[in-house]
Every structure is written in C-alpha cells, then in structure tokens.
Amino acid sequence: MRKSIIFISGAIILILASMAFVIEKEKKTAVKLGKLLFNEKILSKDSSVSCASCHKPEFAFADTTAFSFGINKTTTSRNTPSVLNMKNRPYFFWDGRAASLDEQALMPIENPNEMGLPIKEAIKRLNESTFYKDYFLKVFGSLPNEKNLAAAFATFESSLETDNSRFDDWSYGKKTLTESEQRGREIFVGDKAKCFDCHWMEDFTDDDFKNIGLFDGMKLNDSGRFRINQKKEDIGKFKTPGLRNVAVTAPYMHNGMFKTLEEVIDYYNDPFKVVPNAQNIDASLKQPLGLTDTEKKDLVAFLKTLTDKAFEPKK
C-alpha cells in the first residue's frame, strides 16, 4: 500500500513538472511573439513606426526626446516612459487610465498621435500575414484577434523585469557602494530629501499619483489624473514613476522638461523657483528641501546605481 502511494505521488509530481515545463515553454513562445509585434511597423497606419520606435530598447525602453514622434511626424502629448518593470504595476500611462498591461497594450496603436491605426485594421493586417497567422495559431490556438494581440504584448512587457544593478548587488551583500553612493542612499531614504516617501518598494514607486508642482494652469496646463476622474484634488497629479534605470531614461517628467538628473534634483530642492505659481502641489514640497551641492551630487551617484547592467555604458 505504501509503495503504491509513493508511486502515485511520484507520478503526480512528474505530471505537474511536465505541465509546468509546457506552460513555461508556451510563455517563452508568447514572449517571442510579443517582441516581434513590439517591433512591428505594420501596426501603425502608414507602417512607419512601431512600439520600439518610441520605447527604445537601448535606452531602457524609453525615448531620448521630450516628446516622441508618431505617424506623420506627429508628436506625442507626453513624454514616453520606460516599459521596464511593469509586471506588478496597478496602473499604466502617466494618468493611470489603463488598469492592466492587456488594456494598455492596444491604446498606442489607435492613438492618432502615435500609431493611428484602428484595432480592427491591425487585426486584419495580421490575418493577411501567413507568418503571423501561423504564429498566433501556434501560441494561442486561434487566429489574431483583439484579445490575443493584447495578451502577446502584455506577456512580452511582463518579461521586461530588471534586477541586476549595482544596487541589487549591494542589497544582496555581494558588493559595496562608494562613499558618495552610500551617502546618497542615506539621503534618499532620509527625512530631508523625502525621496523614499514616494519612491519605495522593489521598483522604487508607491504606484500612487502626485502633483509635484508642474501644473500652473497656464504654461503648464496638463491636468493629468484629473482628466480621467474629474476629481479636483487630482489636478496636476501624475503616476509616480519607478526609478530603476532612471539614469538612462532622460529627459524626465511627464513633459520631459528636465534633461538631467541634476536638473530634477535642483527642481525638487525648491520647486517654486521653477514654477512660482504651481497649483495643488503636494504638501511635502511646499518648503525648500535645503539640499547642499554635495548632497545633490551624492543623490545622483546613488540613483546611478539603480541602472541594470544591461544598460550601463559599454567600457
């Protein structure tokens, strides 16, 4: 009886292991399809741009300009954020208008300032391609449709997690930080700079929305989250971005107005010097932080340790 139980238990383990292998293999195949689609220009109206045109892999899947160019050289309305480390995020886009990667994935395709292609036309184009028809059948067991197109994108984007930075080495006790980097870390988590109030957890974001003073109702009139929910308290609020790889994703903020990390830290040190008439700014930023030049440099040094080794400059 005991031998039978052991045999049955062993068989169950083998079955579960086999199922896990198949699932993982299918997932890897879906990731490959998603990567192909991420770089596929036929998903834009004039076949001139792809997702990768704005989310450039070599720059941590962000862009290098304040606003990216979509079809017909039309500029986007906001800065292109990185799509790395999105697997566990509860909201997407600067204003949080998408609640899942699947929902987010198709919006840029239809956006007239980005890829400008109706989803029905995108599906039609994929079904006219023998290559994509066969690939979707292999991965999903069905021809290209809205649901599995979104799923392919989401599976690929979910795979873009980074955790191989010098900071991670320090976290696991593998390496030490320089004196400047260590001071910067202490400033980052301390009460003076208050960075850790919003940029925490494993990806350095609280996944909340904040008004950091970049709305004055005049020159800076993007009301952010307010456009989605029409709540007055959310005027000028934008999603807190994660800080992994931040050193290679310039320019910064939803409007790309700061070109360097130094400019960002100077701004946070005294926001009203830059935007005197800021409206609805978060209470934590109403008083200058009083950071010294050395403290600012140390903060930058620490932020650079968050860059995954895949994106570090080649020596």
Protein backbone atom coordinates (compact mmCIF):
# COMPACT_ATOMS: atom_id res chain seq x y z
CA MET A 1 0.00 0.00 0.00
CA ARG A 2 2.79 2.37 0.97
CA LYS A 3 4.69 1.63 -2.26
CA SER A 4 1.52 2.36 -4.25
CA ILE A 5 1.11 5.73 -2.52
CA ILE A 6 4.75 6.57 -3.21
CA PHE A 7 4.35 5.55 -6.85
CA ILE A 8 1.18 7.62 -7.26
CA SER A 9 2.79 10.63 -5.55
CA GLY A 10 5.81 10.33 -7.81
CA ALA A 11 3.61 10.13 -10.89
CA ILE A 12 1.70 13.25 -9.82
CA ILE A 13 4.96 15.13 -9.32
CA LEU A 14 6.13 14.11 -12.78
CA ILE A 15 2.83 15.21 -14.33
CA LEU A 16 2.95 18.58 -12.56
CA ALA A 17 6.57 19.07 -13.59
CA SER A 18 5.69 18.23 -17.18
CA MET A 19 2.76 20.68 -17.12
CA ALA A 20 4.99 23.40 -15.68
CA PHE A 21 7.54 22.80 -18.44
CA VAL A 22 4.87 23.07 -21.14
CA ILE A 23 3.41 26.25 -19.62
CA GLU A 24 6.86 27.84 -19.35
CA LYS A 25 7.67 26.85 -22.95
CA GLU A 26 4.38 28.36 -24.18
CA LYS A 27 5.07 31.52 -22.19
CA LYS A 28 8.51 31.89 -23.77
CA THR A 29 6.95 31.47 -27.21
CA ALA A 30 4.35 34.13 -26.40
CA VAL A 31 7.16 36.44 -25.26
CA LYS A 32 8.90 35.97 -28.61
CA LEU A 33 5.68 36.78 -30.48
CA GLY A 34 5.13 39.84 -28.30
CA LYS A 35 8.66 41.03 -29.01
CA LEU A 36 8.10 40.68 -32.76
CA LEU A 37 4.86 42.67 -32.51
CA PHE A 38 6.55 45.31 -30.34
CA ASN A 39 8.91 45.92 -33.27
CA GLU A 40 6.27 45.53 -35.99
CA LYS A 41 5.61 48.65 -38.07
CA ILE A 42 2.55 47.32 -39.93
CA LEU A 43 0.66 48.01 -36.71
CA SER A 44 0.88 51.72 -37.50
CA LYS A 45 -1.34 53.41 -40.08
CA ASP A 46 1.42 54.13 -42.59
CA SER A 47 3.72 51.32 -41.45
CA SER A 48 6.33 53.86 -40.38
CA VAL A 49 6.60 53.30 -36.62
CA SER A 50 6.39 50.52 -34.07
CA CYS A 51 6.21 50.47 -30.28
CA ALA A 52 10.01 50.22 -30.28
CA SER A 53 10.27 53.46 -32.25
CA CYS A 54 9.45 55.34 -29.04
CA HIS A 55 10.30 52.73 -26.43
CA LYS A 56 13.90 52.29 -27.49
CA PRO A 57 15.46 49.11 -26.01
CA GLU A 58 18.93 50.64 -25.78
CA PHE A 59 17.58 53.43 -23.56
CA ALA A 60 15.77 51.13 -21.12
CA PHE A 61 12.70 51.17 -23.39
CA ALA A 62 12.20 54.92 -23.05
CA ASP A 63 12.86 57.71 -25.58
CA THR A 64 15.57 60.35 -25.71
CA THR A 65 13.36 63.34 -26.54
CA ALA A 66 10.76 65.22 -24.52
CA PHE A 67 8.05 64.08 -26.92
CA SER A 68 8.24 61.17 -29.32
CA PHE A 69 7.28 61.12 -32.99
CA GLY A 70 4.34 59.05 -34.17
CA ILE A 71 2.95 58.72 -37.69
CA ASN A 72 3.36 61.74 -39.99
CA LYS A 73 5.97 63.06 -37.53
CA THR A 74 3.17 63.97 -35.12
CA THR A 75 4.47 64.46 -31.59
CA THR A 76 3.05 62.68 -28.59
CA SER A 77 1.31 64.71 -25.92
CA ARG A 78 3.50 63.37 -23.10
CA ASN A 79 6.99 62.03 -22.57
CA THR A 80 7.49 58.34 -23.38
CA PRO A 81 8.06 56.40 -20.13
CA SER A 82 10.05 53.20 -19.88
CA VAL A 83 8.07 49.96 -20.12
CA LEU A 84 10.53 48.07 -17.95
CA ASN A 85 9.38 46.67 -14.60
CA MET A 86 5.68 46.98 -15.43
CA LYS A 87 4.70 43.44 -14.44
CA ASN A 88 3.39 44.38 -10.99
CA ARG A 89 2.05 47.85 -11.64
CA PRO A 90 -1.66 48.51 -10.93
CA TYR A 91 -1.94 51.44 -13.38
CA PHE A 92 -0.39 52.39 -16.70
CA PHE A 93 0.31 55.64 -18.55
CA TRP A 94 1.13 58.89 -16.74
CA ASP A 95 -2.53 59.39 -15.82
CA GLY A 96 -3.24 55.75 -14.93
CA ARG A 97 -6.02 55.38 -17.50
CA ALA A 98 -5.27 51.68 -18.10
CA ALA A 99 -5.65 49.15 -15.29
CA SER A 100 -3.76 46.25 -16.89
CA LEU A 101 -0.97 45.60 -19.37
CA ASP A 102 -3.50 43.99 -21.72
CA GLU A 103 -5.65 47.12 -21.66
CA GLN A 104 -2.64 49.39 -22.06
CA ALA A 105 -1.10 47.46 -24.93
CA LEU A 106 -3.57 48.40 -27.66
CA MET A 107 -4.10 52.07 -26.82
CA PRO A 108 -0.95 53.41 -28.56
CA ILE A 109 -1.93 51.57 -31.76
CA GLU A 110 -5.20 53.52 -32.03
CA ASN A 111 -3.85 56.82 -30.70
CA PRO A 112 -3.85 59.33 -33.60
CA ASN A 113 -0.64 60.95 -32.37
CA GLU A 114 1.17 57.63 -32.10
CA MET A 115 0.40 54.70 -34.44
CA GLY A 116 -3.02 55.89 -35.62
CA LEU A 117 -4.43 52.51 -36.68
CA PRO A 118 -7.90 51.19 -35.71
CA ILE A 119 -7.57 47.85 -33.92
CA LYS A 120 -9.87 46.16 -36.45
CA GLU A 121 -7.47 47.16 -39.23
CA ALA A 122 -4.49 45.97 -37.17
CA ILE A 123 -6.15 42.56 -36.73
CA LYS A 124 -6.95 42.45 -40.45
CA ARG A 125 -3.33 43.11 -41.37
CA LEU A 126 -2.08 40.38 -39.05
CA ASN A 127 -4.56 37.89 -40.51
CA GLU A 128 -3.37 38.75 -44.01
CA SER A 129 0.14 37.69 -42.96
CA THR A 130 0.76 33.94 -43.22
CA PHE A 131 3.65 34.33 -40.79
CA TYR A 132 1.55 35.96 -38.07
CA LYS A 133 -1.48 33.73 -38.67
CA ASP A 134 0.68 30.65 -38.10
CA TYR A 135 2.44 32.18 -35.12
CA PHE A 136 -0.81 33.13 -33.35
CA LEU A 137 -2.23 29.65 -34.03
CA LYS A 138 0.89 28.10 -32.55
CA VAL A 139 0.86 30.26 -29.42
CA PHE A 140 -2.84 30.82 -28.74
CA GLY A 141 -4.56 28.18 -30.82
CA SER A 142 -6.53 30.87 -32.63
CA LEU A 143 -6.11 33.44 -35.36
CA PRO A 144 -5.07 37.00 -34.45
CA ASN A 145 -7.81 38.87 -32.59
CA GLU A 146 -8.02 41.79 -30.21
CA LYS A 147 -7.72 39.66 -27.08
CA ASN A 148 -4.71 37.59 -28.05
CA LEU A 149 -2.94 40.58 -29.63
CA ALA A 150 -3.17 42.37 -26.28
CA ALA A 151 -2.07 39.20 -24.48
CA ALA A 152 1.02 38.84 -26.68
CA PHE A 153 2.10 42.41 -25.97
CA ALA A 154 1.38 42.03 -22.24
CA THR A 155 3.34 38.77 -21.98
CA PHE A 156 6.37 40.36 -23.61
CA GLU A 157 6.20 43.50 -21.48
CA SER A 158 5.78 41.39 -18.34
CA SER A 159 9.11 39.76 -19.16
CA LEU A 160 10.97 43.08 -19.10
CA GLU A 161 11.95 42.98 -15.44
CA THR A 162 15.36 44.24 -14.29
CA ASP A 163 17.08 43.33 -11.02
CA ASN A 164 20.76 43.17 -11.89
CA SER A 165 22.03 46.59 -10.89
CA ARG A 166 24.87 47.61 -8.61
CA PHE A 167 22.20 48.49 -6.05
CA ASP A 168 20.92 44.89 -6.24
CA ASP A 169 24.47 43.62 -5.72
CA TRP A 170 24.69 45.82 -2.62
CA SER A 171 21.26 44.65 -1.42
CA TYR A 172 22.36 41.01 -1.59
CA GLY A 173 25.66 41.74 0.12
CA LYS A 174 27.71 40.99 -2.99
CA LYS A 175 29.35 44.39 -3.36
CA THR A 176 29.69 47.68 -1.54
CA LEU A 177 28.69 51.16 -2.61
CA THR A 178 31.18 54.00 -2.85
CA GLU A 179 31.18 56.53 -0.04
CA SER A 180 29.27 59.01 -2.22
CA GLU A 181 26.72 56.40 -3.28
CA GLN A 182 26.19 55.31 0.32
CA ARG A 183 25.67 58.91 1.44
CA GLY A 184 23.25 59.33 -1.44
CA ARG A 185 21.32 56.24 -0.35
CA GLU A 186 21.03 57.61 3.17
CA ILE A 187 19.77 60.94 1.83
CA PHE A 188 17.33 59.10 -0.44
CA VAL A 189 15.70 57.20 2.44
CA GLY A 190 16.05 60.05 4.96
CA ASP A 191 13.61 62.75 6.07
CA LYS A 192 15.43 65.65 4.44
CA ALA A 193 15.06 64.73 0.77
CA LYS A 194 11.87 62.65 1.27
CA CYS A 195 12.52 60.63 -1.90
CA PHE A 196 11.55 57.39 -0.17
CA ASP A 197 8.09 58.74 0.66
CA CYS A 198 7.07 58.10 -2.95
CA HIS A 199 9.86 56.01 -4.46
CA TRP A 200 9.90 52.81 -2.47
CA MET A 201 9.20 49.07 -2.84
CA GLU A 202 11.33 46.95 -5.17
CA ASP A 203 10.83 49.20 -8.20
CA PHE A 204 11.08 52.49 -6.28
CA THR A 205 7.48 53.64 -6.75
CA ASP A 206 4.45 53.79 -4.48
CA ASP A 207 2.17 53.39 -7.52
CA ASP A 208 0.29 56.49 -6.47
CA PHE A 209 -0.42 59.83 -8.13
CA LYS A 210 1.27 63.04 -7.03
CA ASN A 211 1.28 66.70 -8.00
CA ILE A 212 4.91 67.72 -7.73
CA GLY A 213 4.29 71.31 -8.84
CA LEU A 214 4.34 71.04 -12.62
CA PHE A 215 0.86 72.49 -13.12
CA ASP A 216 0.13 76.21 -13.05
CA GLY A 217 -2.95 76.30 -15.29
CA MET A 218 -1.15 78.49 -17.81
CA LYS A 219 2.07 77.42 -19.49
CA LEU A 220 1.97 74.10 -17.65
CA ASN A 221 -1.67 73.13 -18.15
CA ASP A 222 -1.69 69.35 -18.39
CA SER A 223 -4.02 68.42 -15.52
CA GLY A 224 -3.00 64.75 -15.55
CA ARG A 225 -5.10 62.38 -13.45
CA PHE A 226 -7.90 64.95 -13.31
CA ARG A 227 -8.64 64.30 -16.99
CA ILE A 228 -9.52 60.72 -16.11
CA ASN A 229 -11.60 61.07 -12.97
CA GLN A 230 -12.55 64.77 -12.87
CA LYS A 231 -11.65 65.00 -9.18
CA LYS A 232 -10.39 68.47 -8.24
CA GLU A 233 -7.93 67.05 -5.74
CA ASP A 234 -6.21 65.22 -8.59
CA ILE A 235 -5.49 68.28 -10.73
CA GLY A 236 -1.89 68.13 -11.89
CA LYS A 237 -1.26 64.68 -10.47
CA PHE A 238 0.71 62.07 -12.39
CA LYS A 239 1.75 58.50 -11.65
CA THR A 240 4.90 58.12 -9.61
CA PRO A 241 7.41 56.54 -11.99
CA GLY A 242 9.72 53.77 -10.85
CA LEU A 243 13.37 54.74 -10.62
CA ARG A 244 15.10 51.62 -11.86
CA ASN A 245 17.32 52.57 -14.81
CA VAL A 246 16.44 56.24 -14.30
CA ALA A 247 19.95 57.35 -15.27
CA VAL A 248 19.38 56.23 -18.88
CA THR A 249 15.79 57.39 -19.41
CA ALA A 250 16.24 61.16 -19.74
CA PRO A 251 14.53 63.54 -20.29
CA TYR A 252 12.34 63.45 -17.21
CA MET A 253 8.78 64.17 -16.04
CA HIS A 254 5.53 63.76 -17.98
CA ASN A 255 6.52 66.66 -20.23
CA GLY A 256 10.22 65.86 -20.49
CA MET A 257 11.17 69.32 -19.24
CA PHE A 258 14.31 68.26 -17.36
CA LYS A 259 17.27 66.95 -19.34
CA THR A 260 19.41 65.59 -16.49
CA LEU A 261 19.10 64.05 -13.05
CA GLU A 262 20.88 67.12 -11.71
CA GLU A 263 18.07 69.32 -13.06
CA VAL A 264 15.47 67.04 -11.47
CA ILE A 265 17.09 67.23 -8.05
CA ASP A 266 17.56 71.01 -8.32
CA TYR A 267 13.84 71.25 -9.07
CA TYR A 268 12.78 69.12 -6.10
CA ASN A 269 15.08 71.14 -3.87
CA ASP A 270 12.91 74.22 -4.44
CA PRO A 271 10.01 73.72 -6.93
CA PHE A 272 8.72 77.28 -6.65
CA LYS A 273 11.94 78.65 -8.12
CA VAL A 274 10.99 76.89 -11.35
CA VAL A 275 7.18 77.10 -11.21
CA PRO A 276 6.28 80.08 -8.95
CA ASN A 277 2.51 79.70 -9.39
CA ALA A 278 2.21 75.93 -9.00
CA GLN A 279 -1.30 74.79 -8.15
CA ASN A 280 -2.32 71.90 -5.92
CA ILE A 281 1.30 70.95 -5.20
CA ASP A 282 1.84 68.14 -2.70
CA ALA A 283 2.26 69.39 0.86
CA SER A 284 5.67 67.73 1.22
CA LEU A 285 7.11 70.01 -1.47
CA LYS A 286 5.80 73.37 -0.28
CA GLN A 287 9.01 74.13 1.60
CA PRO A 288 12.54 74.01 0.10
CA LEU A 289 14.46 70.83 1.00
CA GLY A 290 17.71 72.66 1.64
CA LEU A 291 19.99 70.12 -0.01
CA THR A 292 23.65 71.12 -0.30
CA ASP A 293 25.60 70.77 -3.54
CA THR A 294 27.41 67.74 -2.09
CA GLU A 295 24.13 66.11 -1.08
CA LYS A 296 22.76 66.64 -4.58
CA LYS A 297 25.83 65.01 -6.14
CA ASP A 298 25.57 62.09 -3.73
CA LEU A 299 21.91 61.59 -4.63
CA VAL A 300 22.78 61.44 -8.33
CA ALA A 301 25.55 58.95 -7.56
CA PHE A 302 23.07 56.71 -5.74
CA LEU A 303 20.43 56.94 -8.48
CA LYS A 304 23.02 55.75 -11.00
CA THR A 305 23.44 52.53 -9.01
CA LEU A 306 19.86 51.61 -9.98
CA THR A 307 20.86 51.06 -13.62
CA ASP A 308 20.66 47.43 -14.69
CA LYS A 309 23.98 46.18 -16.04
CA ALA A 310 22.34 45.55 -19.42
CA PHE A 311 22.00 49.32 -19.84
CA GLU A 312 25.27 50.51 -18.36
CA PRO A 313 27.58 52.33 -20.80
CA LYS A 314 29.95 49.97 -22.55
CA LYS A 315 33.56 50.44 -21.39
